[in-house]
Amino acid sequence: MAGLTEKARGGVRAGGGVRAAGIALVLLGVAVAAVVALTTPWRSLPGAAPAVTPDPARDFSSGQIARAAAFDAAVNVPVYLSLAVTLVVAGVLVLTPFGAWVVGRLRGPWWLRALLGVLALSAVSLAIKWPLGMWYETRLRAFGLSTQQWPAWSADRLKSFGVQTVVIAIMVLAVVWLARRSPRRWWIPAAAGAFLLTVAASFVYPVVVEPLFNDFTPLPQGRLRSDLIAMASRDGVPVEDVLVADASRRTTALNAYVSGFGATRRIVVYDTLLRAPAGEVELVVAHELGHAKNGDVLYGTLVGALGAAAGACLLFLVVSPPSVRRRTGVASVADPRAVGLLLGLMSLTTVLSGPAENIVSRQIEARADVHALDLTRDPATFAAMQKRLAVTNISDLSPNAFEYVMYASHPTSPQRLALARSWVRLHGLPEP
C-alpha cells in the first residue's frame, strides 16, 4: 500500500466510504422494513371475519356515483400535469447542469449562494405549477368544495411554499456544510441529523406549522365535548385536548385528524364536521382515538426518521460517481452549485416513496376504522358517517389503479363500508 500514489489512496478511501454508506443503507433499510412489518396491521379483522366485496352501487345512488366520477375527471388533468411537472423539473436538475448554471450566477459566501439557490430553483417549480393550482382550485369551486377567494388561496399557497422551502433549505445547507467538512464521511452526521430533524418536526409541526393555516379553539363545553372526553377516557387514551379548526373559511369538506404525540398530541375536528349529527362526529373521533391508542403518529415518526437517515446514505451513494457530478456540472457536493442536484434527488425520492407509504397508511386507517367500530358498537352510524364523508367530500368511489397506488392514503369509501359489514357479520349483529 505504501507504493500507492496520493490519487490512488484517495480512491481507496472514497471506495471505503461508499462501502460503509452502502452497508449503513442496508442496515437502515432492514430496520425500516422490520418496524413496518411489525407495526403495520396487515389484517385489520380476524381471519374468521367473512369477506365482503366493496360495491359502490350498494350504498351510493347513480347520481352520487356519477358526480364522483365527474369530479375525478375534472381534477385529473391538473393533478397529472402537476405530477409531470414535478418529475420533469427533478429530471432536469438531476440529468443536466441547469441547477449548477443558476446557482453559479449567484454571488456571496457559499452558504448564501446555497440558500438563494434553493429559493430560486424552488420558486421556478412554484411558478410553473401556479396555473395548474389555479386550475385545480376552479374545479373545487365548481363542485362546491372550496370557499376561498383568490387572495386567501394565494396566501395559503405561499405559506405552504415557505414552510417547505425552509425545511428543504435546512437539509440542503446541512449536507453542503457537512460535505465541506468531511467529503468522504458526511453521510454519517447527515443521517443522524435527518433522523433527529424528523423526530423534532413531529413535535413542532402541530404547534408551529398548523396554526399558520388554521385557527384552533377548544371544542365548546357541552354534551358533545363531554361525550368525546368520556369516550377517550373509556378507551384509555390520554388526550390533551379536542380542538376545532376553522376549516370552513377554506373548504366545505369534512375531516378530522390526530397530530403530534406526547405533550403536543391533540385531536382536531373541522368545524364543518360539527354540522353532522353528534353520533357521526363521535364515530370520527373514535377513529382518531384509534390512531392515538395504537401510537400511529409515534410509529410513523420512527419509520419516517429511519427512512430519512437511509435517504442520507442513499444520497451519498447516488452523488458519489463522478459521472453524476460531471453530468450536472458539479465538482462535489461541497460545491453550493450542487443545490440543484440535491433538490432534484429529494423530489424524486418523495414521489417514488409515496406508493409504499400509501400501502402502509391504508392498513393503518382500516385498523382505526375497526377501533371505532369496537369502541362504539354502532355500525349503522359508522355507515352513515362514511356515506356522509364520501358524498360531501366527493370522494373517488372507484379510483383507477394508478390513482389508487399514487394518491390513496385511505381505503375507498366502498372498502370501508365493506369492512364494516365484515365486522358486523363477525359479531353477529344486524347489517346496516
Protein backbone atom coordinates (compact mmCIF):
# COMPACT_ATOMS: atom_id res chain seq x y z
CA MET A 1 0.00 0.00 0.00
CA ALA A 2 3.00 2.27 0.59
CA GLY A 3 3.63 2.44 -3.14
CA LEU A 4 0.23 3.90 -3.98
CA THR A 5 0.06 7.43 -5.29
CA GLU A 6 -1.91 10.05 -3.38
CA LYS A 7 -4.66 9.88 -6.02
CA ALA A 8 -4.89 6.11 -5.64
CA ARG A 9 -5.03 6.35 -1.86
CA GLY A 10 -7.84 8.91 -2.19
CA GLY A 11 -9.70 6.49 -4.44
CA VAL A 12 -9.30 3.69 -1.88
CA ARG A 13 -10.61 5.93 0.89
CA ALA A 14 -13.54 7.06 -1.24
CA GLY A 15 -14.32 3.45 -2.08
CA GLY A 16 -14.30 2.61 1.62
CA GLY A 17 -16.71 5.45 2.30
CA VAL A 18 -19.07 4.18 -0.38
CA ARG A 19 -18.94 0.66 1.02
CA ALA A 20 -19.63 1.90 4.54
CA ALA A 21 -22.55 4.02 3.34
CA GLY A 22 -23.89 1.05 1.41
CA ILE A 23 -23.74 -1.16 4.49
CA ALA A 24 -25.45 1.54 6.57
CA LEU A 25 -28.16 1.88 3.91
CA VAL A 26 -28.82 -1.87 4.00
CA LEU A 27 -28.97 -1.91 7.81
CA LEU A 28 -31.31 1.09 7.93
CA GLY A 29 -33.44 -0.45 5.19
CA VAL A 30 -33.73 -3.64 7.25
CA ALA A 31 -34.68 -1.56 10.30
CA VAL A 32 -37.39 0.28 8.35
CA ALA A 33 -38.72 -2.99 6.94
CA ALA A 34 -38.74 -4.56 10.41
CA VAL A 35 -40.60 -1.66 12.03
CA VAL A 36 -43.12 -1.55 9.17
CA ALA A 37 -43.60 -5.31 9.20
CA LEU A 38 -44.06 -5.49 12.97
CA THR A 39 -46.22 -2.39 13.49
CA THR A 40 -48.42 -2.34 10.37
CA PRO A 41 -51.78 -4.09 10.87
CA TRP A 42 -51.72 -6.17 7.71
CA ARG A 43 -55.03 -7.75 8.74
CA SER A 44 -57.44 -5.34 10.39
CA LEU A 45 -60.03 -8.04 11.21
CA PRO A 46 -59.51 -11.60 12.44
CA GLY A 47 -59.15 -14.28 9.80
CA ALA A 48 -62.60 -15.61 10.70
CA ALA A 49 -64.26 -12.39 9.51
CA PRO A 50 -66.36 -13.04 6.38
CA ALA A 51 -65.09 -11.34 3.24
CA VAL A 52 -67.35 -8.65 1.80
CA THR A 53 -66.80 -7.28 -1.70
CA PRO A 54 -66.84 -3.47 -1.95
CA ASP A 55 -69.69 -2.26 -4.15
CA PRO A 56 -70.32 1.47 -4.70
CA ALA A 57 -73.78 0.76 -6.13
CA ARG A 58 -74.87 -0.80 -2.84
CA ASP A 59 -74.52 2.41 -0.82
CA PHE A 60 -74.50 5.26 -3.31
CA SER A 61 -77.07 6.38 -5.84
CA SER A 62 -76.30 6.54 -9.55
CA GLY A 63 -76.29 10.33 -9.27
CA GLN A 64 -73.73 10.28 -6.45
CA ILE A 65 -71.53 7.83 -8.35
CA ALA A 66 -71.76 9.95 -11.49
CA ARG A 67 -70.90 13.13 -9.56
CA ALA A 68 -67.84 11.50 -8.01
CA ALA A 69 -66.70 10.30 -11.44
CA ALA A 70 -67.28 13.76 -12.94
CA PHE A 71 -65.27 15.44 -10.20
CA ASP A 72 -62.44 12.94 -10.62
CA ALA A 73 -62.36 13.59 -14.35
CA ALA A 74 -62.40 17.36 -13.79
CA VAL A 75 -59.38 17.40 -11.47
CA ASN A 76 -57.34 14.64 -13.09
CA VAL A 77 -55.73 16.81 -15.75
CA PRO A 78 -54.25 19.46 -13.41
CA VAL A 79 -53.24 16.76 -10.91
CA TYR A 80 -51.50 14.64 -13.52
CA LEU A 81 -49.84 17.69 -15.08
CA SER A 82 -48.58 18.79 -11.68
CA LEU A 83 -47.03 15.37 -11.14
CA ALA A 84 -45.48 15.54 -14.59
CA VAL A 85 -44.01 18.98 -13.84
CA THR A 86 -42.53 17.64 -10.59
CA LEU A 87 -40.87 14.76 -12.42
CA VAL A 88 -39.65 16.90 -15.32
CA VAL A 89 -38.17 19.59 -13.06
CA ALA A 90 -36.50 16.94 -10.91
CA GLY A 91 -35.19 15.22 -14.04
CA VAL A 92 -33.71 18.45 -15.37
CA LEU A 93 -31.96 19.10 -12.05
CA VAL A 94 -30.58 15.54 -11.85
CA LEU A 95 -29.67 15.00 -15.51
CA THR A 96 -28.50 18.42 -16.69
CA PRO A 97 -26.28 21.28 -15.43
CA PHE A 98 -29.24 23.69 -15.26
CA GLY A 99 -29.20 23.87 -11.44
CA ALA A 100 -25.46 24.47 -11.38
CA TRP A 101 -25.87 27.17 -14.04
CA VAL A 102 -28.49 29.00 -11.95
CA VAL A 103 -26.55 28.85 -8.69
CA GLY A 104 -23.30 29.66 -10.48
CA ARG A 105 -24.68 33.12 -11.33
CA LEU A 106 -25.31 33.95 -7.70
CA ARG A 107 -22.76 35.85 -5.64
CA GLY A 108 -21.76 35.78 -1.98
CA PRO A 109 -20.40 33.27 0.53
CA TRP A 110 -21.14 29.60 -0.15
CA TRP A 111 -24.00 29.40 2.39
CA LEU A 112 -25.76 32.43 0.90
CA ARG A 113 -25.47 31.04 -2.64
CA ALA A 114 -26.83 27.71 -1.42
CA LEU A 115 -29.78 29.41 0.29
CA LEU A 116 -30.55 31.62 -2.69
CA GLY A 117 -30.19 28.58 -4.96
CA VAL A 118 -32.81 26.64 -3.00
CA LEU A 119 -35.13 29.64 -3.10
CA ALA A 120 -34.59 30.33 -6.82
CA LEU A 121 -34.99 26.75 -8.01
CA SER A 122 -37.99 26.12 -5.73
CA ALA A 123 -39.58 29.33 -6.99
CA VAL A 124 -39.19 28.14 -10.59
CA SER A 125 -41.17 24.99 -9.76
CA LEU A 126 -43.78 27.03 -7.88
CA ALA A 127 -44.20 29.43 -10.81
CA ILE A 128 -44.67 26.59 -13.30
CA LYS A 129 -47.23 24.87 -11.08
CA TRP A 130 -49.12 28.01 -10.10
CA PRO A 131 -51.51 28.00 -13.11
CA LEU A 132 -52.16 24.28 -12.51
CA GLY A 133 -53.01 25.04 -8.89
CA MET A 134 -55.44 27.75 -10.03
CA TRP A 135 -56.98 25.30 -12.49
CA TYR A 136 -57.47 22.76 -9.69
CA GLU A 137 -58.93 25.42 -7.41
CA THR A 138 -61.50 26.46 -10.03
CA ARG A 139 -62.61 22.80 -10.24
CA LEU A 140 -63.03 22.68 -6.46
CA ARG A 141 -65.16 25.80 -6.60
CA ALA A 142 -67.24 24.48 -9.47
CA PHE A 143 -68.14 21.44 -7.37
CA GLY A 144 -68.74 23.46 -4.19
CA LEU A 145 -65.72 22.17 -2.27
CA SER A 146 -63.79 25.44 -1.93
CA THR A 147 -64.95 28.56 -0.10
CA GLN A 148 -61.74 30.56 -0.59
CA GLN A 149 -61.19 33.71 -2.58
CA TRP A 150 -58.01 34.17 -4.58
CA PRO A 151 -56.12 36.32 -2.03
CA ALA A 152 -56.64 33.74 0.73
CA TRP A 153 -55.84 30.88 -1.63
CA SER A 154 -52.63 32.60 -2.73
CA ALA A 155 -51.63 33.32 0.86
CA ASP A 156 -52.08 29.67 1.83
CA ARG A 157 -50.08 28.52 -1.17
CA LEU A 158 -47.25 30.93 -0.39
CA LYS A 159 -47.20 29.90 3.27
CA SER A 160 -47.00 26.25 2.26
CA PHE A 161 -44.18 27.12 -0.14
CA GLY A 162 -42.39 29.00 2.64
CA VAL A 163 -42.61 26.11 5.11
CA GLN A 164 -41.40 23.58 2.55
CA THR A 165 -38.58 25.82 1.40
CA VAL A 166 -37.34 26.42 4.95
CA VAL A 167 -37.25 22.67 5.67
CA ILE A 168 -35.52 21.90 2.37
CA ALA A 169 -33.04 24.73 2.86
CA ILE A 170 -32.09 23.38 6.29
CA MET A 171 -31.44 19.93 4.82
CA VAL A 172 -29.52 21.18 1.79
CA LEU A 173 -27.39 23.60 3.80
CA ALA A 174 -26.58 20.86 6.28
CA VAL A 175 -25.50 18.46 3.52
CA VAL A 176 -23.28 21.01 1.76
CA TRP A 177 -21.73 22.17 5.06
CA LEU A 178 -21.03 18.60 6.18
CA ALA A 179 -19.59 17.73 2.76
CA ARG A 180 -17.22 20.69 3.02
CA ARG A 181 -16.01 19.49 6.42
CA SER A 182 -15.82 15.76 5.70
CA PRO A 183 -16.05 14.93 1.98
CA ARG A 184 -15.98 11.15 2.48
CA ARG A 185 -17.94 10.78 5.71
CA TRP A 186 -20.59 13.48 5.58
CA TRP A 187 -23.32 10.88 5.24
CA ILE A 188 -22.82 9.79 8.88
CA PRO A 189 -23.77 13.10 10.58
CA ALA A 190 -26.26 13.76 7.77
CA ALA A 191 -28.09 10.51 8.56
CA ALA A 192 -28.11 11.29 12.28
CA GLY A 193 -29.30 14.84 11.61
CA ALA A 194 -32.07 13.66 9.27
CA PHE A 195 -33.29 11.26 11.94
CA LEU A 196 -33.36 13.95 14.65
CA LEU A 197 -34.92 16.56 12.36
CA THR A 198 -37.80 14.22 11.51
CA VAL A 199 -38.46 13.49 15.19
CA ALA A 200 -38.30 17.18 16.08
CA ALA A 201 -40.68 18.05 13.26
CA SER A 202 -43.32 15.72 14.73
CA PHE A 203 -43.29 17.76 17.92
CA VAL A 204 -43.01 21.16 16.27
CA TYR A 205 -45.48 20.77 13.39
CA PRO A 206 -48.72 20.79 15.45
CA VAL A 207 -47.80 23.87 17.46
CA VAL A 208 -45.85 25.89 14.87
CA VAL A 209 -46.95 24.98 11.35
CA GLU A 210 -50.62 24.03 11.72
CA PRO A 211 -51.57 27.42 13.28
CA LEU A 212 -50.23 29.12 10.12
CA PHE A 213 -53.15 27.69 8.17
CA ASN A 214 -55.98 27.44 10.69
CA ASP A 215 -57.15 28.91 13.96
CA PHE A 216 -57.81 26.30 16.65
CA THR A 217 -60.21 26.62 19.55
CA PRO A 218 -61.18 24.06 22.17
CA LEU A 219 -64.44 22.27 21.45
CA PRO A 220 -67.02 24.23 23.49
CA GLN A 221 -68.33 22.82 26.74
CA GLY A 222 -71.47 20.81 26.24
CA ARG A 223 -72.78 17.32 25.75
CA LEU A 224 -70.69 16.58 22.67
CA ARG A 225 -67.43 17.56 24.36
CA SER A 226 -68.36 15.62 27.49
CA ASP A 227 -69.23 12.55 25.44
CA LEU A 228 -65.98 12.73 23.49
CA ILE A 229 -63.84 13.15 26.62
CA ALA A 230 -65.74 10.31 28.31
CA MET A 231 -65.21 8.10 25.25
CA ALA A 232 -61.48 8.85 25.27
CA SER A 233 -61.32 8.02 28.97
CA ARG A 234 -63.22 4.78 28.41
CA ASP A 235 -60.81 3.96 25.63
CA GLY A 236 -57.81 4.54 27.86
CA VAL A 237 -56.32 7.20 25.58
CA PRO A 238 -54.77 10.28 27.20
CA VAL A 239 -55.95 13.23 25.10
CA GLU A 240 -54.55 16.67 25.76
CA ASP A 241 -57.49 18.39 24.08
CA VAL A 242 -60.10 18.20 21.35
CA LEU A 243 -59.73 21.24 19.10
CA VAL A 244 -61.88 22.71 16.36
CA ALA A 245 -60.19 24.05 13.21
CA ASP A 246 -61.88 26.88 11.31
CA ALA A 247 -61.70 24.91 8.05
CA SER A 248 -64.95 26.38 6.75
CA ARG A 249 -63.11 29.51 5.62
CA ARG A 250 -61.32 27.30 3.14
CA THR A 251 -63.46 24.27 2.33
CA THR A 252 -66.80 22.52 2.76
CA ALA A 253 -65.08 19.13 3.18
CA LEU A 254 -65.41 17.15 6.42
CA ASN A 255 -62.34 15.87 8.21
CA ALA A 256 -60.60 15.20 11.49
CA TYR A 257 -57.10 14.07 12.36
CA VAL A 258 -54.65 13.38 15.15
CA SER A 259 -51.25 15.04 15.16
CA GLY A 260 -48.17 15.11 17.32
CA PHE A 261 -47.51 12.85 20.28
CA GLY A 262 -46.73 13.27 23.93
CA ALA A 263 -47.36 16.83 25.07
CA THR A 264 -48.28 18.00 21.56
CA ARG A 265 -50.80 15.26 20.72
CA ARG A 266 -54.29 16.53 20.06
CA ILE A 267 -57.37 15.51 18.13
CA VAL A 268 -58.59 18.13 15.67
CA VAL A 269 -62.02 18.23 14.04
CA TYR A 270 -63.04 20.57 11.23
CA ASP A 271 -65.80 22.98 12.16
CA THR A 272 -67.61 21.71 9.06
CA LEU A 273 -67.78 18.26 10.67
CA LEU A 274 -69.67 19.68 13.65
CA ARG A 275 -72.65 20.22 11.36
CA ALA A 276 -73.07 16.45 11.14
CA PRO A 277 -75.14 14.52 13.73
CA ALA A 278 -73.36 14.12 17.06
CA GLY A 279 -73.22 10.34 16.69
CA GLU A 280 -71.30 10.64 13.42
CA VAL A 281 -68.88 13.13 14.94
CA GLU A 282 -68.32 10.66 17.77
CA LEU A 283 -67.53 7.92 15.23
CA VAL A 284 -64.96 10.12 13.51
CA VAL A 285 -63.29 10.94 16.83
CA ALA A 286 -63.37 7.25 17.77
CA HIS A 287 -61.41 6.59 14.59
CA GLU A 288 -58.85 9.22 15.60
CA LEU A 289 -58.63 7.74 19.09
CA GLY A 290 -57.63 4.51 17.36
CA HIS A 291 -54.64 6.29 15.87
CA ALA A 292 -53.69 7.68 19.29
CA LYS A 293 -54.15 4.40 21.15
CA ASN A 294 -52.08 2.44 18.65
CA GLY A 295 -49.32 5.06 18.60
CA ASP A 296 -49.66 5.60 14.86
CA VAL A 297 -48.03 9.04 14.95
CA LEU A 298 -45.15 7.71 17.06
CA TYR A 299 -44.53 4.71 14.80
CA GLY A 300 -44.96 6.87 11.71
CA THR A 301 -42.35 9.25 13.08
CA LEU A 302 -39.97 6.38 13.77
CA VAL A 303 -40.38 4.97 10.27
CA GLY A 304 -40.01 8.43 8.77
CA ALA A 305 -36.89 9.14 10.82
CA LEU A 306 -35.26 5.85 9.85
CA GLY A 307 -36.26 6.46 6.24
CA ALA A 308 -34.73 9.95 6.35
CA ALA A 309 -31.48 8.53 7.72
CA ALA A 310 -31.48 5.90 4.98
CA GLY A 311 -32.15 8.67 2.47
CA ALA A 312 -28.98 10.48 3.55
CA CYS A 313 -26.95 7.31 2.93
CA LEU A 314 -28.64 6.79 -0.43
CA LEU A 315 -27.96 10.40 -1.37
CA PHE A 316 -24.25 9.91 -0.67
CA LEU A 317 -24.18 6.79 -2.85
CA VAL A 318 -26.04 8.43 -5.72
CA VAL A 319 -23.82 11.53 -5.88
CA SER A 320 -20.55 9.62 -5.39
CA PRO A 321 -19.98 8.51 -9.02
CA PRO A 322 -18.01 11.19 -10.92
CA SER A 323 -20.30 10.69 -13.93
CA VAL A 324 -23.24 12.09 -11.92
CA ARG A 325 -21.33 15.21 -10.96
CA ARG A 326 -19.97 15.73 -14.47
CA ARG A 327 -23.46 15.46 -15.94
CA THR A 328 -24.77 18.15 -13.61
CA GLY A 329 -21.71 20.41 -13.78
CA VAL A 330 -20.90 20.00 -10.08
CA ALA A 331 -17.39 19.45 -8.76
CA SER A 332 -18.61 17.90 -5.48
CA VAL A 333 -21.49 18.03 -3.02
CA ALA A 334 -19.44 20.58 -1.09
CA ASP A 335 -19.95 22.95 -4.03
CA PRO A 336 -23.07 25.14 -3.49
CA ARG A 337 -23.84 24.54 -7.17
CA ALA A 338 -24.84 21.02 -6.07
CA VAL A 339 -28.06 22.50 -4.66
CA GLY A 340 -29.97 21.69 -7.85
CA LEU A 341 -28.82 18.07 -7.85
CA LEU A 342 -29.80 17.68 -4.20
CA LEU A 343 -33.23 19.24 -4.76
CA GLY A 344 -33.91 17.01 -7.74
CA LEU A 345 -32.95 13.84 -5.88
CA MET A 346 -35.05 14.79 -2.84
CA SER A 347 -38.05 15.47 -5.06
CA LEU A 348 -37.72 12.16 -6.90
CA THR A 349 -37.36 10.27 -3.62
CA THR A 350 -40.55 11.86 -2.30
CA VAL A 351 -42.55 10.85 -5.37
CA LEU A 352 -41.15 7.33 -5.55
CA SER A 353 -41.69 6.60 -1.85
CA GLY A 354 -45.33 7.71 -1.97
CA PRO A 355 -46.87 4.40 -3.12
CA ALA A 356 -45.15 2.42 -0.34
CA GLU A 357 -46.29 4.97 2.25
CA ASN A 358 -49.86 4.70 0.94
CA ILE A 359 -49.87 0.90 1.29
CA VAL A 360 -49.00 1.19 4.98
CA SER A 361 -51.33 4.15 5.53
CA ARG A 362 -54.35 2.31 4.13
CA GLN A 363 -53.78 -0.58 6.54
CA ILE A 364 -53.44 1.80 9.49
CA GLU A 365 -56.62 3.64 8.52
CA ALA A 366 -58.51 0.34 8.27
CA ARG A 367 -57.36 -0.59 11.79
CA ALA A 368 -58.59 2.78 13.07
CA ASP A 369 -61.99 2.08 11.45
CA VAL A 370 -62.16 -1.26 13.27
CA HIS A 371 -61.18 0.50 16.50
CA ALA A 372 -64.07 2.94 16.03
CA LEU A 373 -66.49 0.05 15.50
CA ASP A 374 -65.16 -1.85 18.52
CA LEU A 375 -65.37 1.25 20.70
CA THR A 376 -68.85 2.47 19.70
CA ARG A 377 -70.51 -0.81 18.66
CA ASP A 378 -72.60 1.30 16.30
CA PRO A 379 -72.14 0.06 12.71
CA ALA A 380 -75.26 1.85 11.46
CA THR A 381 -73.92 5.26 12.45
CA PHE A 382 -70.48 4.27 11.13
CA ALA A 383 -72.04 3.52 7.74
CA ALA A 384 -73.99 6.79 7.77
CA MET A 385 -70.82 8.68 8.64
CA GLN A 386 -68.82 7.07 5.84
CA LYS A 387 -71.54 7.90 3.31
CA ARG A 388 -71.70 11.50 4.50
CA LEU A 389 -67.93 11.88 4.23
CA ALA A 390 -67.87 10.37 0.75
CA VAL A 391 -70.74 12.45 -0.61
CA THR A 392 -69.71 15.74 1.00
CA ASN A 393 -66.02 15.38 0.08
CA ILE A 394 -66.90 13.93 -3.36
CA SER A 395 -64.55 11.04 -2.73
CA ASP A 396 -63.43 8.88 -5.62
CA LEU A 397 -65.54 5.74 -5.18
CA SER A 398 -63.70 3.68 -7.81
CA PRO A 399 -60.20 5.07 -8.41
CA ASN A 400 -58.19 3.56 -11.24
CA ALA A 401 -55.10 1.58 -10.36
CA PHE A 402 -52.68 4.47 -10.91
CA GLU A 403 -54.63 6.87 -8.70
CA TYR A 404 -55.08 4.25 -6.01
CA VAL A 405 -51.36 3.49 -5.89
CA MET A 406 -50.15 7.09 -6.11
CA TYR A 407 -52.72 9.04 -4.08
CA ALA A 408 -54.96 6.78 -1.95
CA SER A 409 -53.71 7.10 1.64
CA HIS A 410 -57.09 5.77 2.88
CA PRO A 411 -59.24 2.85 1.77
CA THR A 412 -62.03 3.91 -0.58
CA SER A 413 -65.45 4.55 0.94
CA PRO A 414 -66.87 1.30 -0.52
CA GLN A 415 -63.91 -0.58 1.00
CA ARG A 416 -64.57 0.99 4.40
CA LEU A 417 -68.25 0.12 4.22
CA ALA A 418 -67.39 -3.45 3.20
CA LEU A 419 -65.05 -3.63 6.20
CA ALA A 420 -67.92 -2.52 8.47
CA ARG A 421 -70.18 -5.22 7.05
CA SER A 422 -67.48 -7.81 7.59
CA TRP A 423 -67.16 -6.62 11.20
CA VAL A 424 -70.93 -6.85 11.64
CA ARG A 425 -71.08 -10.41 10.34
CA LEU A 426 -68.15 -11.40 12.54
CA HIS A 427 -70.04 -10.17 15.61
CA GLY A 428 -73.44 -11.46 14.53
CA LEU A 429 -75.08 -8.02 14.53
CA PRO A 430 -77.76 -6.62 12.17
CA GLU A 431 -76.16 -5.41 8.95
CA PRO A 432 -76.51 -1.70 8.17
